[in-house]
Amino acid sequence: MSSLHSHEINHDTNMPNQSMIWLSYTAASLFVIASFIFVFYFYQTTRSNEQAKKEWYGSYVPLEQLRLYESEQLHTYQWVDQAKGLVKVPIDIAMVELVKEHKSK
């Protein structure tokens, strides 16, 4: 029975490497701070870009009103430059004329 109690427990008696602990702590802290700065910068940039878009495009226009404007632009004659004789032709007429021009070549 004495042999069971006579065994010594071998454990690591070395001290932890404090410089590695501090290095790891410092690196982790810097990573967290850098991540926070990156996220904050990304948020601010995105927010300012969205604000600039809203200011650039002006006020909200209902979709129906926008579609009506687009339809008018596509389907009406308008002067581009009256002095030079440039006219904007409706899209359907322009397509027909383009096909005629292409066939005549």
N, C-alpha and C. Protein backbone atom coordinates (compact mmCIF):
# COMPACT_ATOMS: atom_id res chain seq x y z
N MET A 1 0.80 -1.19 0.00
CA MET A 1 0.00 0.00 0.00
C MET A 1 0.85 1.26 0.00
N SER A 2 1.96 1.13 0.54
CA SER A 2 2.83 2.29 0.59
C SER A 2 3.28 2.71 -0.80
N SER A 3 3.28 1.79 -1.73
CA SER A 3 3.69 2.13 -3.09
C SER A 3 2.66 3.03 -3.79
N LEU A 4 1.41 2.92 -3.42
CA LEU A 4 0.40 3.78 -4.01
C LEU A 4 0.55 5.22 -3.55
N HIS A 5 0.94 5.42 -2.35
CA HIS A 5 1.05 6.77 -1.81
C HIS A 5 2.42 7.37 -2.02
N SER A 6 3.33 6.59 -2.47
CA SER A 6 4.68 7.10 -2.63
C SER A 6 4.93 7.75 -3.99
N HIS A 7 3.98 7.64 -4.91
CA HIS A 7 4.16 8.26 -6.23
C HIS A 7 4.00 9.77 -6.12
N GLU A 8 4.90 10.43 -6.72
CA GLU A 8 4.81 11.88 -6.76
C GLU A 8 4.03 12.29 -8.02
N ILE A 9 3.30 13.33 -7.88
CA ILE A 9 2.57 13.86 -9.03
C ILE A 9 3.49 14.83 -9.74
N ASN A 10 3.76 14.53 -10.97
CA ASN A 10 4.63 15.40 -11.76
C ASN A 10 3.76 16.41 -12.51
N HIS A 11 3.99 17.64 -12.23
CA HIS A 11 3.26 18.69 -12.94
C HIS A 11 4.27 19.73 -13.40
N ASP A 12 3.79 20.54 -14.31
CA ASP A 12 4.66 21.56 -14.89
C ASP A 12 4.92 22.64 -13.86
N THR A 13 6.14 22.86 -13.55
CA THR A 13 6.49 23.87 -12.55
C THR A 13 6.98 25.16 -13.20
N ASN A 14 6.98 25.21 -14.52
CA ASN A 14 7.42 26.41 -15.21
C ASN A 14 6.36 27.50 -15.10
N MET A 15 6.80 28.73 -15.06
CA MET A 15 5.89 29.86 -15.03
C MET A 15 5.39 30.12 -16.45
N PRO A 16 4.19 30.65 -16.57
CA PRO A 16 3.69 30.98 -17.91
C PRO A 16 4.57 32.05 -18.56
N ASN A 17 4.64 31.99 -19.85
CA ASN A 17 5.44 32.96 -20.60
C ASN A 17 4.66 34.29 -20.64
N GLN A 18 5.03 35.20 -19.74
CA GLN A 18 4.28 36.45 -19.61
C GLN A 18 4.41 37.33 -20.85
N SER A 19 5.53 37.29 -21.48
CA SER A 19 5.67 38.13 -22.68
C SER A 19 4.72 37.67 -23.79
N MET A 20 4.53 36.36 -23.93
CA MET A 20 3.59 35.84 -24.94
C MET A 20 2.15 36.20 -24.56
N ILE A 21 1.85 36.15 -23.28
CA ILE A 21 0.51 36.51 -22.84
C ILE A 21 0.23 37.97 -23.15
N TRP A 22 1.16 38.86 -22.83
CA TRP A 22 0.99 40.28 -23.10
C TRP A 22 0.95 40.55 -24.61
N LEU A 23 1.76 39.85 -25.36
CA LEU A 23 1.74 40.02 -26.82
C LEU A 23 0.38 39.59 -27.39
N SER A 24 -0.11 38.47 -26.92
CA SER A 24 -1.42 37.99 -27.38
C SER A 24 -2.53 38.96 -26.98
N TYR A 25 -2.48 39.43 -25.77
CA TYR A 25 -3.48 40.39 -25.28
C TYR A 25 -3.43 41.68 -26.10
N THR A 26 -2.23 42.17 -26.35
CA THR A 26 -2.07 43.40 -27.12
C THR A 26 -2.56 43.21 -28.55
N ALA A 27 -2.21 42.09 -29.17
CA ALA A 27 -2.63 41.82 -30.54
C ALA A 27 -4.16 41.71 -30.62
N ALA A 28 -4.76 41.02 -29.67
CA ALA A 28 -6.22 40.87 -29.66
C ALA A 28 -6.89 42.23 -29.44
N SER A 29 -6.34 43.03 -28.55
CA SER A 29 -6.91 44.36 -28.29
C SER A 29 -6.81 45.24 -29.53
N LEU A 30 -5.66 45.22 -30.19
CA LEU A 30 -5.49 46.01 -31.40
C LEU A 30 -6.44 45.54 -32.51
N PHE A 31 -6.63 44.24 -32.59
CA PHE A 31 -7.56 43.71 -33.59
C PHE A 31 -8.98 44.19 -33.32
N VAL A 32 -9.40 44.16 -32.07
CA VAL A 32 -10.74 44.62 -31.73
C VAL A 32 -10.89 46.11 -32.01
N ILE A 33 -9.89 46.90 -31.65
CA ILE A 33 -9.95 48.34 -31.90
C ILE A 33 -9.96 48.62 -33.40
N ALA A 34 -9.10 47.94 -34.15
CA ALA A 34 -9.06 48.14 -35.60
C ALA A 34 -10.38 47.72 -36.25
N SER A 35 -10.97 46.64 -35.77
CA SER A 35 -12.27 46.21 -36.30
C SER A 35 -13.34 47.25 -36.02
N PHE A 36 -13.33 47.80 -34.82
CA PHE A 36 -14.30 48.82 -34.47
C PHE A 36 -14.13 50.05 -35.37
N ILE A 37 -12.90 50.48 -35.57
CA ILE A 37 -12.63 51.65 -36.41
C ILE A 37 -13.08 51.37 -37.84
N PHE A 38 -12.79 50.18 -38.36
CA PHE A 38 -13.20 49.82 -39.72
C PHE A 38 -14.71 49.84 -39.86
N VAL A 39 -15.41 49.23 -38.91
CA VAL A 39 -16.87 49.17 -38.99
C VAL A 39 -17.45 50.58 -38.88
N PHE A 40 -16.91 51.39 -37.99
CA PHE A 40 -17.39 52.76 -37.84
C PHE A 40 -17.16 53.55 -39.12
N TYR A 41 -15.97 53.44 -39.71
CA TYR A 41 -15.66 54.14 -40.95
C TYR A 41 -16.57 53.66 -42.09
N PHE A 42 -16.76 52.35 -42.19
CA PHE A 42 -17.63 51.78 -43.22
C PHE A 42 -19.06 52.30 -43.05
N TYR A 43 -19.55 52.34 -41.82
CA TYR A 43 -20.90 52.84 -41.54
C TYR A 43 -21.02 54.30 -41.95
N GLN A 44 -20.05 55.12 -41.55
CA GLN A 44 -20.11 56.54 -41.86
C GLN A 44 -20.06 56.77 -43.37
N THR A 45 -19.21 56.04 -44.06
CA THR A 45 -19.08 56.19 -45.51
C THR A 45 -20.38 55.79 -46.20
N THR A 46 -20.93 54.66 -45.80
CA THR A 46 -22.18 54.20 -46.40
C THR A 46 -23.30 55.19 -46.14
N ARG A 47 -23.35 55.68 -44.93
CA ARG A 47 -24.39 56.64 -44.57
C ARG A 47 -24.25 57.94 -45.38
N SER A 48 -23.04 58.43 -45.52
CA SER A 48 -22.86 59.67 -46.28
C SER A 48 -23.13 59.44 -47.77
N ASN A 49 -22.79 58.26 -48.29
CA ASN A 49 -23.09 57.96 -49.70
C ASN A 49 -24.59 57.92 -49.93
N GLU A 50 -25.32 57.29 -49.01
CA GLU A 50 -26.77 57.23 -49.14
C GLU A 50 -27.38 58.62 -49.06
N GLN A 51 -26.87 59.44 -48.17
CA GLN A 51 -27.37 60.81 -48.04
C GLN A 51 -27.08 61.60 -49.32
N ALA A 52 -25.89 61.42 -49.88
CA ALA A 52 -25.54 62.12 -51.12
C ALA A 52 -26.44 61.68 -52.27
N LYS A 53 -26.76 60.40 -52.35
CA LYS A 53 -27.67 59.91 -53.39
C LYS A 53 -29.03 60.56 -53.25
N LYS A 54 -29.52 60.62 -52.02
CA LYS A 54 -30.84 61.21 -51.80
C LYS A 54 -30.84 62.69 -52.18
N GLU A 55 -29.77 63.39 -51.86
CA GLU A 55 -29.70 64.80 -52.21
C GLU A 55 -29.55 64.98 -53.72
N TRP A 56 -28.80 64.09 -54.35
CA TRP A 56 -28.57 64.18 -55.80
C TRP A 56 -29.86 63.94 -56.58
N TYR A 57 -30.59 62.89 -56.19
CA TYR A 57 -31.80 62.55 -56.93
C TYR A 57 -32.98 63.44 -56.57
N GLY A 58 -32.86 64.20 -55.54
CA GLY A 58 -33.94 65.10 -55.16
C GLY A 58 -35.04 64.39 -54.41
N SER A 59 -36.19 64.97 -54.48
CA SER A 59 -37.31 64.43 -53.72
C SER A 59 -37.88 63.18 -54.38
N TYR A 60 -38.66 62.48 -53.62
CA TYR A 60 -39.28 61.24 -54.07
C TYR A 60 -40.32 61.54 -55.14
N VAL A 61 -40.30 60.76 -56.21
CA VAL A 61 -41.29 60.87 -57.27
C VAL A 61 -42.03 59.53 -57.34
N PRO A 62 -43.34 59.57 -57.28
CA PRO A 62 -44.09 58.31 -57.37
C PRO A 62 -43.79 57.58 -58.68
N LEU A 63 -43.82 56.28 -58.63
CA LEU A 63 -43.45 55.45 -59.78
C LEU A 63 -44.36 55.72 -60.98
N GLU A 64 -45.64 55.90 -60.75
CA GLU A 64 -46.56 56.15 -61.86
C GLU A 64 -46.18 57.45 -62.57
N GLN A 65 -45.82 58.46 -61.79
CA GLN A 65 -45.43 59.75 -62.38
C GLN A 65 -44.12 59.61 -63.16
N LEU A 66 -43.20 58.82 -62.63
CA LEU A 66 -41.94 58.58 -63.33
C LEU A 66 -42.17 57.84 -64.64
N ARG A 67 -43.02 56.81 -64.61
CA ARG A 67 -43.32 56.05 -65.82
C ARG A 67 -44.00 56.92 -66.88
N LEU A 68 -44.87 57.83 -66.46
CA LEU A 68 -45.53 58.74 -67.39
C LEU A 68 -44.50 59.66 -68.05
N TYR A 69 -43.59 60.18 -67.25
CA TYR A 69 -42.53 61.04 -67.79
C TYR A 69 -41.67 60.28 -68.79
N GLU A 70 -41.28 59.04 -68.43
CA GLU A 70 -40.46 58.23 -69.34
C GLU A 70 -41.19 57.94 -70.64
N SER A 71 -42.47 57.65 -70.53
CA SER A 71 -43.27 57.36 -71.72
C SER A 71 -43.35 58.59 -72.62
N GLU A 72 -43.54 59.75 -72.02
CA GLU A 72 -43.57 60.98 -72.81
C GLU A 72 -42.24 61.22 -73.51
N GLN A 73 -41.15 60.94 -72.81
CA GLN A 73 -39.83 61.15 -73.40
C GLN A 73 -39.58 60.18 -74.56
N LEU A 74 -40.11 58.97 -74.47
CA LEU A 74 -39.89 57.98 -75.53
C LEU A 74 -40.82 58.14 -76.72
N HIS A 75 -41.98 58.72 -76.53
CA HIS A 75 -43.00 58.69 -77.58
C HIS A 75 -43.41 60.07 -78.10
N THR A 76 -42.61 61.08 -77.89
CA THR A 76 -42.95 62.41 -78.41
C THR A 76 -41.77 63.00 -79.18
N TYR A 77 -42.10 63.86 -80.14
CA TYR A 77 -41.07 64.61 -80.85
C TYR A 77 -40.64 65.77 -79.97
N GLN A 78 -39.34 66.07 -79.98
CA GLN A 78 -38.83 67.22 -79.24
C GLN A 78 -37.62 67.78 -79.96
N TRP A 79 -37.45 69.08 -79.86
CA TRP A 79 -36.25 69.69 -80.40
C TRP A 79 -35.09 69.41 -79.45
N VAL A 80 -33.99 68.91 -80.03
CA VAL A 80 -32.75 68.77 -79.27
C VAL A 80 -31.97 70.05 -79.43
N ASP A 81 -31.80 70.48 -80.69
CA ASP A 81 -31.13 71.75 -80.99
C ASP A 81 -31.80 72.32 -82.24
N GLN A 82 -32.67 73.29 -82.04
CA GLN A 82 -33.44 73.83 -83.16
C GLN A 82 -32.55 74.55 -84.16
N ALA A 83 -31.50 75.19 -83.67
CA ALA A 83 -30.59 75.91 -84.58
C ALA A 83 -29.88 74.95 -85.53
N LYS A 84 -29.54 73.77 -85.04
CA LYS A 84 -28.86 72.76 -85.88
C LYS A 84 -29.85 71.84 -86.58
N GLY A 85 -31.14 71.95 -86.26
CA GLY A 85 -32.14 71.10 -86.88
C GLY A 85 -32.18 69.69 -86.32
N LEU A 86 -31.74 69.51 -85.07
CA LEU A 86 -31.76 68.19 -84.44
C LEU A 86 -33.07 67.97 -83.70
N VAL A 87 -33.74 66.87 -84.05
CA VAL A 87 -35.04 66.55 -83.45
C VAL A 87 -34.95 65.17 -82.82
N LYS A 88 -35.55 65.05 -81.65
CA LYS A 88 -35.65 63.74 -81.01
C LYS A 88 -36.93 63.09 -81.51
N VAL A 89 -36.77 61.88 -82.07
CA VAL A 89 -37.88 61.17 -82.70
C VAL A 89 -38.39 60.11 -81.73
N PRO A 90 -39.71 59.84 -81.71
CA PRO A 90 -40.22 58.77 -80.85
C PRO A 90 -39.53 57.44 -81.15
N ILE A 91 -39.38 56.64 -80.14
CA ILE A 91 -38.59 55.40 -80.24
C ILE A 91 -39.14 54.44 -81.29
N ASP A 92 -40.46 54.28 -81.35
CA ASP A 92 -41.01 53.33 -82.32
C ASP A 92 -40.76 53.78 -83.76
N ILE A 93 -40.87 55.06 -84.02
CA ILE A 93 -40.58 55.58 -85.37
C ILE A 93 -39.09 55.48 -85.66
N ALA A 94 -38.26 55.77 -84.68
CA ALA A 94 -36.81 55.69 -84.87
C ALA A 94 -36.38 54.27 -85.20
N MET A 95 -36.99 53.28 -84.55
CA MET A 95 -36.63 51.88 -84.84
C MET A 95 -37.01 51.50 -86.27
N VAL A 96 -38.19 51.92 -86.71
CA VAL A 96 -38.63 51.62 -88.08
C VAL A 96 -37.70 52.28 -89.08
N GLU A 97 -37.35 53.53 -88.86
CA GLU A 97 -36.46 54.26 -89.77
C GLU A 97 -35.06 53.63 -89.79
N LEU A 98 -34.60 53.16 -88.64
CA LEU A 98 -33.28 52.52 -88.57
C LEU A 98 -33.27 51.22 -89.38
N VAL A 99 -34.35 50.44 -89.30
CA VAL A 99 -34.44 49.20 -90.07
C VAL A 99 -34.48 49.53 -91.56
N LYS A 100 -35.26 50.55 -91.95
CA LYS A 100 -35.31 50.95 -93.37
C LYS A 100 -33.92 51.37 -93.86
N GLU A 101 -33.22 52.15 -93.04
CA GLU A 101 -31.90 52.62 -93.42
C GLU A 101 -30.93 51.45 -93.55
N HIS A 102 -31.02 50.49 -92.65
CA HIS A 102 -30.13 49.34 -92.69
C HIS A 102 -30.42 48.45 -93.91
N LYS A 103 -31.69 48.29 -94.26
CA LYS A 103 -32.05 47.48 -95.43
C LYS A 103 -31.63 48.14 -96.73
N SER A 104 -31.59 49.47 -96.76
CA SER A 104 -31.23 50.15 -98.01
C SER A 104 -29.73 50.09 -98.27
N LYS A 105 -28.93 49.73 -97.32
CA LYS A 105 -27.48 49.66 -97.52
C LYS A 105 -27.04 48.37 -98.11
